[in-house]
Protein backbone atom coordinates (compact mmCIF):
# COMPACT_ATOMS: atom_id res chain seq x y z
CA MET A 1 129.00 113.16 76.36
CA LYS A 2 132.24 113.95 78.19
CA LYS A 3 135.72 112.78 77.22
CA ILE A 4 138.07 112.00 80.13
CA THR A 5 141.75 111.98 79.18
CA LYS A 6 143.28 112.53 82.63
CA LEU A 7 142.86 109.01 83.93
CA ASP A 8 144.71 108.89 87.27
CA ASN A 9 141.54 109.17 89.37
CA PHE A 10 139.80 106.44 87.35
CA ILE A 11 142.52 103.82 86.95
CA PHE A 12 142.96 101.01 89.50
CA TYR A 13 145.50 98.17 89.66
CA HIS A 14 143.99 94.65 89.56
CA LYS A 15 145.94 93.24 92.52
CA ASP A 16 144.85 95.97 94.95
CA SER A 17 142.07 95.31 97.47
CA VAL A 18 138.34 95.98 97.31
CA PHE A 19 138.77 98.19 100.39
CA LYS A 20 141.35 100.33 98.61
CA ALA A 21 139.00 100.69 95.62
CA MET A 22 136.18 101.70 97.98
CA GLU A 23 138.42 104.36 99.52
CA LYS A 24 139.37 105.71 96.09
CA LEU A 25 135.74 105.91 94.99
CA ASN A 26 134.88 107.83 98.16
CA ASN A 27 137.91 110.11 98.36
CA LYS A 28 138.12 111.04 94.68
CA ASP A 29 134.34 111.48 94.37
CA VAL A 30 134.17 109.24 91.29
CA SER A 31 131.48 106.65 90.55
CA PHE A 32 133.55 103.99 88.76
CA LEU A 33 137.07 102.69 88.29
CA VAL A 34 138.73 101.03 85.30
CA ILE A 35 140.84 98.00 86.29
CA ILE A 36 144.19 97.47 84.57
CA ASN A 37 147.26 95.23 84.91
CA ARG A 38 150.94 96.21 84.99
CA ARG A 39 150.96 96.48 81.20
CA GLN A 40 148.13 99.06 81.42
CA GLU A 41 145.72 96.64 79.70
CA LEU A 42 142.00 96.79 80.42
CA LEU A 43 140.83 93.89 82.61
CA GLY A 44 137.50 95.08 83.96
CA THR A 45 135.54 97.84 85.71
CA ILE A 46 134.13 98.39 89.19
CA THR A 47 131.35 100.65 90.48
CA ASP A 48 130.03 101.51 93.91
CA GLY A 49 127.15 99.11 93.29
CA ASP A 50 129.54 96.25 92.44
CA ILE A 51 131.34 96.75 95.75
CA ARG A 52 128.06 96.74 97.72
CA ARG A 53 126.99 93.51 95.98
CA HIS A 54 130.39 92.07 96.99
CA ILE A 55 129.63 93.04 100.62
CA LEU A 56 126.15 91.44 100.44
CA LYS A 57 127.74 88.16 99.38
CA GLY A 58 129.70 88.19 102.63
CA LYS A 59 133.01 88.63 100.83
CA SER A 60 135.99 90.30 102.48
CA LEU A 61 137.01 93.86 101.62
CA ASN A 62 140.61 92.67 101.79
CA GLU A 63 140.19 90.47 98.70
CA SER A 64 141.66 91.49 95.36
CA ILE A 65 139.46 93.74 93.24
CA GLU A 66 139.52 90.99 90.60
CA ILE A 67 136.97 89.09 92.72
CA ALA A 68 134.42 91.92 92.65
CA MET A 69 135.01 93.60 89.28
CA LYS A 70 133.02 93.18 86.07
CA LYS A 71 135.26 90.96 83.98
CA LYS A 72 133.45 91.64 80.70
CA PRO A 73 132.88 95.41 80.62
CA VAL A 74 131.52 97.31 77.63
CA TYR A 75 134.42 99.03 75.84
CA SER A 76 135.33 100.34 72.40
CA TYR A 77 138.44 100.59 70.26
CA ILE A 78 139.84 103.96 69.20
CA HIS A 79 139.28 103.20 65.52
CA GLU A 80 135.55 102.52 66.17
CA GLU A 81 134.82 106.20 66.76
CA ASN A 82 131.64 106.09 64.67
CA ILE A 83 129.97 103.69 67.15
CA HIS A 84 131.33 105.10 70.45
CA LYS A 85 128.16 107.05 71.22
CA LYS A 86 125.86 104.15 70.32
CA LYS A 87 127.78 101.80 72.61
CA LEU A 88 127.84 104.34 75.43
CA LEU A 89 124.11 105.06 75.32
CA SER A 90 123.27 101.34 75.18
CA ILE A 91 124.63 100.83 78.71
CA PRO A 92 121.61 100.32 81.03
CA SER A 93 122.75 102.56 83.89
CA ILE A 94 122.14 106.12 85.05
CA ILE A 95 125.91 106.64 84.92
CA LYS A 96 127.19 105.40 81.56
CA PHE A 97 130.94 105.14 80.97
CA LEU A 98 132.91 103.61 78.11
CA PRO A 99 136.65 102.85 78.25
CA VAL A 100 138.19 103.45 74.82
CA ILE A 101 141.25 101.31 74.19
CA THR A 102 144.04 100.78 71.67
CA LYS A 103 144.55 97.55 69.72
CA ALA A 104 146.95 96.55 72.51
CA LYS A 105 144.00 96.97 74.98
CA LYS A 106 145.58 99.97 76.71
CA VAL A 107 143.07 102.52 78.00
CA LYS A 108 143.39 105.76 76.01
CA TYR A 109 140.41 107.71 77.38
CA ILE A 110 136.95 107.27 78.88
CA LEU A 111 133.64 108.55 77.54
CA LEU A 112 131.07 109.50 80.16
CA TYR A 113 127.36 110.25 79.93
CA GLU A 114 125.29 111.15 82.97
CA LYS A 115 121.74 112.45 83.04
CA ASP A 116 121.59 116.03 84.29
CA GLU A 117 118.03 115.60 85.54
CA ILE A 118 116.59 112.52 87.21
CA ASN A 119 112.92 112.35 88.04
CA TYR A 120 113.40 111.42 91.70
CA ILE A 121 112.03 113.29 94.68
CA ALA A 122 112.73 112.96 98.42
CA LEU A 123 110.60 112.64 101.54
CA VAL A 124 111.98 113.31 105.03
CA MET A 125 109.93 111.78 107.83
CA ALA A 126 110.05 114.46 110.52
CA GLY A 127 106.78 114.01 112.42
CA GLY A 128 107.86 111.77 115.30
CA PHE A 129 107.43 112.69 118.96
CA GLY A 130 110.97 111.73 120.00
CA LYS A 131 109.70 110.33 123.32
CA ARG A 132 112.83 108.21 123.89
CA LEU A 133 114.86 111.44 124.06
CA GLY A 134 112.92 112.72 127.06
CA ASN A 135 113.22 116.44 127.84
CA LYS A 136 115.46 117.07 124.83
CA THR A 137 112.40 117.00 122.57
CA LYS A 138 109.97 118.73 124.92
CA LYS A 139 110.28 122.03 123.06
CA ILE A 140 112.37 121.04 120.02
CA PRO A 141 111.30 118.46 117.41
CA LYS A 142 113.82 115.65 117.03
CA PRO A 143 115.01 116.61 113.50
CA LEU A 144 116.01 120.06 114.76
CA LEU A 145 118.29 118.72 117.50
CA LYS A 146 121.91 119.53 116.71
CA VAL A 147 124.71 117.14 115.89
CA GLY A 148 127.93 119.09 115.73
CA ASN A 149 126.87 122.62 114.83
CA LYS A 150 124.02 121.63 112.50
CA ALA A 151 120.48 120.39 112.97
CA ILE A 152 119.92 116.75 111.96
CA LEU A 153 117.41 117.96 109.35
CA ASP A 154 120.02 120.27 107.79
CA LEU A 155 122.50 117.37 107.51
CA ILE A 156 119.85 115.28 105.74
CA LEU A 157 118.84 118.08 103.36
CA LYS A 158 122.48 118.73 102.48
CA LYS A 159 122.92 115.08 101.45
CA ILE A 160 119.75 115.18 99.35
CA HIS A 161 120.74 118.39 97.57
CA TYR A 162 124.25 117.03 96.92
CA ALA A 163 122.69 114.02 95.18
CA GLY A 164 120.98 116.38 92.73
CA LEU A 165 117.38 116.02 93.93
CA LYS A 166 115.57 119.31 93.44
CA LYS A 167 112.21 118.64 95.09
CA ILE A 168 111.85 117.60 98.74
CA TYR A 169 108.81 116.91 100.92
CA ILE A 170 108.99 116.95 104.72
CA SER A 171 106.26 115.23 106.73
CA THR A 172 105.52 116.85 110.08
CA HIS A 173 103.25 116.42 113.08
CA TYR A 174 104.78 117.05 116.50
CA LEU A 175 105.88 120.72 116.87
CA HIS A 176 105.34 121.04 113.12
CA GLN A 177 105.36 124.85 113.19
CA LYS A 178 108.97 124.90 114.37
CA ILE A 179 110.06 122.76 111.43
CA GLN A 180 108.04 124.92 109.04
CA ASP A 181 109.63 128.11 110.44
CA HIS A 182 113.11 126.55 110.16
CA ILE A 183 112.56 125.71 106.48
CA LYS A 184 111.13 129.15 105.67
CA LYS A 185 114.10 130.85 107.30
CA LYS A 186 116.93 128.74 105.85
CA TYR A 187 115.65 127.37 102.54
CA LYS A 188 113.73 130.16 100.82
CA LYS A 189 115.25 129.36 97.41
CA ASN A 190 114.72 125.60 97.58
CA ASP A 191 111.68 123.60 96.48
CA ILE A 192 110.83 122.14 99.89
CA ARG A 193 107.19 121.38 100.68
CA ILE A 194 105.74 120.67 104.11
CA ILE A 195 103.22 117.87 104.65
CA TYR A 196 101.26 118.20 107.89
CA GLU A 197 99.83 115.01 109.37
CA LYS A 198 96.83 115.95 111.52
CA SER A 199 97.28 112.62 113.27
CA PRO A 200 100.33 110.34 113.00
CA MET A 201 100.24 108.21 109.83
CA GLY A 202 103.13 105.86 110.58
CA THR A 203 106.45 105.70 108.77
CA ALA A 204 104.89 105.35 105.31
CA GLY A 205 101.29 106.60 105.43
CA CYS A 206 102.06 110.17 104.42
CA ILE A 207 103.37 108.96 101.03
CA SER A 208 99.68 109.05 100.00
CA MET A 209 99.72 112.84 100.54
CA ILE A 210 102.32 113.44 97.83
CA ASN A 211 100.47 114.48 94.71
CA ASP A 212 103.33 114.71 92.25
CA THR A 213 104.88 113.18 89.15
CA PHE A 214 108.05 111.17 89.76
CA GLU A 215 109.75 107.87 88.93
CA ASN A 216 111.13 107.01 92.36
CA LEU A 217 110.89 108.37 95.88
CA ILE A 218 113.77 108.53 98.38
CA VAL A 219 112.46 108.27 101.97
CA ILE A 220 114.71 109.21 104.90
CA ASN A 221 113.81 109.08 108.57
CA GLY A 222 114.36 112.40 110.31
CA ASP A 223 116.51 110.90 113.06
CA VAL A 224 119.17 109.35 110.81
CA VAL A 225 122.69 110.78 110.68
CA SER A 226 124.70 109.19 107.88
CA ASN A 227 127.35 109.80 105.24
CA ILE A 228 125.52 107.49 102.83
CA ASP A 229 126.07 108.34 99.18
CA ILE A 230 122.47 108.96 98.07
CA LYS A 231 123.52 109.26 94.43
CA SER A 232 124.98 105.75 94.61
CA LEU A 233 121.72 104.53 96.15
CA LEU A 234 119.73 106.03 93.25
CA THR A 235 122.02 104.38 90.70
CA TYR A 236 121.92 101.03 92.54
CA HIS A 237 118.10 101.12 92.72
CA HIS A 238 117.77 102.01 89.02
CA ASP A 239 120.36 99.54 87.74
CA SER A 240 119.01 96.68 89.89
CA LYS A 241 115.46 97.35 88.60
CA ASN A 242 114.13 97.17 92.17
CA ASP A 243 110.61 98.12 93.21
CA ILE A 244 111.92 98.96 96.67
CA THR A 245 115.52 99.26 97.79
CA LEU A 246 116.05 99.36 101.54
CA THR A 247 119.38 100.30 103.03
CA VAL A 248 120.87 98.19 105.81
CA ALA A 249 123.61 99.00 108.29
CA LYS A 250 125.80 96.81 110.47
CA TYR A 251 124.79 96.88 114.11
CA SER A 252 126.84 95.24 116.85
CA TYR A 253 125.70 94.24 120.31
CA LYS A 254 128.02 92.95 123.02
CA ILE A 255 126.34 90.47 125.35
CA PRO A 256 127.42 91.44 128.89
CA PHE A 257 127.57 87.81 130.06
CA GLY A 258 129.34 84.62 129.11
CA LEU A 259 127.36 82.79 126.40
CA VAL A 260 126.74 79.09 127.10
CA GLU A 261 126.23 76.53 124.31
CA LEU A 262 124.60 73.18 125.16
CA ASN A 263 124.16 69.97 123.17
CA LYS A 264 120.94 67.94 122.86
CA SER A 265 121.64 66.30 126.22
CA TYR A 266 121.95 69.76 127.80
CA GLN A 267 125.64 69.28 128.44
CA LEU A 268 128.05 72.17 128.08
CA VAL A 269 129.94 72.11 124.78
CA ASN A 270 131.28 75.66 124.66
CA ILE A 271 131.35 78.95 126.50
CA LYS A 272 132.13 82.35 125.00
CA GLU A 273 133.10 85.26 127.20
CA LYS A 274 130.91 88.31 126.46
CA PRO A 275 130.65 87.76 122.69
CA GLU A 276 129.77 90.50 120.23
CA ILE A 277 126.94 89.74 117.83
CA HIS A 278 126.58 91.49 114.49
CA PHE A 279 123.28 92.17 112.74
CA ASN A 280 122.09 93.78 109.52
CA VAL A 281 119.46 96.35 110.53
CA VAL A 282 117.08 98.52 108.54
CA SER A 283 118.70 101.95 108.51
CA GLY A 284 115.69 104.17 107.81
CA ILE A 285 116.55 105.12 104.21
CA TYR A 286 114.57 103.72 101.26
CA CYS A 287 114.11 104.13 97.53
CA ILE A 288 110.59 103.31 96.31
CA LYS A 289 109.19 103.06 92.80
CA LYS A 290 106.16 105.22 91.96
CA SER A 291 103.97 102.16 91.29
CA ILE A 292 104.57 100.99 94.88
CA CYS A 293 103.88 104.48 96.26
CA ASN A 294 100.51 104.31 94.51
CA LEU A 295 99.57 101.35 96.73
CA VAL A 296 99.62 103.55 99.84
CA GLY A 297 96.16 104.66 100.92
CA ASN A 298 95.26 107.67 103.05
CA GLU A 299 95.62 105.77 106.33
CA TYR A 300 98.15 104.78 108.98
CA LEU A 301 100.90 102.60 107.49
CA ASP A 302 104.37 101.66 108.66
CA MET A 303 107.22 101.11 106.20
CA THR A 304 107.69 97.50 107.36
CA THR A 305 104.05 96.77 106.45
CA LEU A 306 104.45 98.39 103.03
CA ILE A 307 107.54 96.26 102.38
CA SER A 308 105.75 93.09 103.54
CA ASN A 309 102.79 93.87 101.26
CA THR A 310 105.18 94.45 98.36
CA ILE A 311 106.82 91.06 98.94
CA LYS A 312 103.38 89.39 98.83
CA LEU A 313 102.85 90.97 95.40
CA ASN A 314 106.08 89.26 94.21
CA LYS A 315 107.74 92.59 93.57
CA LYS A 316 111.50 92.99 93.63
CA ILE A 317 112.98 94.15 96.93
CA GLY A 318 116.68 94.99 96.93
CA VAL A 319 119.14 95.62 99.74
CA PHE A 320 121.77 98.37 99.70
CA PRO A 321 124.43 97.80 102.39
CA ILE A 322 125.77 100.93 104.07
CA HIS A 323 129.51 100.88 104.73
CA GLU A 324 129.59 104.62 105.44
CA TYR A 325 128.98 106.27 108.82
CA TRP A 326 125.43 105.70 110.10
CA LYS A 327 123.68 106.42 113.37
CA ASP A 328 120.02 106.37 114.37
CA VAL A 329 119.77 109.09 117.03
CA GLY A 330 116.34 108.11 118.31
CA ASN A 331 117.62 107.54 121.85
CA ALA A 332 119.73 109.67 124.19
CA ASP A 333 122.83 107.42 124.15
CA ASP A 334 123.09 107.33 120.35
CA LEU A 335 122.48 111.08 120.13
CA ILE A 336 125.42 111.67 122.50
CA LYS A 337 127.60 109.30 120.43
CA ALA A 338 126.70 111.14 117.22
CA LYS A 339 127.45 114.50 118.82
CA ASN A 340 130.87 113.21 119.90
CA ASP A 341 131.52 111.83 116.41
CA PHE A 342 130.93 115.27 114.90
CA LEU A 343 133.12 117.20 117.37
């Protein structure tokens, strides 16, 4: 249990925007904020997960944080020191925090408890042929292509390690020896294990080849470049009690023609000049409960089929919206864009 007395990084004014809170959470590398008014009184709390639920509801990031915050947070008074720990540990989250306040409801300090070890492991899907990239993947597997000065696989592994996951599996097929050599050369001290698919098993089939003990599995496609906060995803998945959490990103497409709208009599009612359409798309990053992983047999299976089968079993599927940078570099144009972004 940690006692936080320097509160500047954790305090947030109730009239400021959700966007400003999101920026503070990202820039200060903190996982929660305590919301106060001008009199320094406790009004609520906000976490990364609360902000993502706000986004899912279609709410604006320019709204006041009061709209998105928890208005009835768990807190304790200074004079209740004998029950601080009990209150803190009763909070059903991986990251447990307890504002401790005076009788006047002013925040004096914050107690924090975070598990050092979480029984999560990661799987990077790195076996694809990369056919859409043409000659670029003729001699180099897609995950070893560079964005900036680092291979895509190295960017993914860095994010996983930063989130505190100690054990990582990498599924391989096409040019698998090159990936294996890369791991042996650069990650001798890390617990990274290679899975070799003799024939392609789809985007989920190789889960059956993981013979390990774990609570949840993070799956990341080997052609995804993103600044997603994996630790926030783990917390969101745990706190939402999801069986599967899939991440979604915003994708925009500009129609290169004027869009015509007709009524039932096929008469023109409106015309829009080259409109831009926005979609939520599956971003290739998932968190999956062990009980769902156990459903995967030793056969070809795509992730979309696994998710559909899970829905049929009436299991809980959650959605984690990505507001951070995200790019699927499976085609040449997006690879060039990602390279330019990392210049």
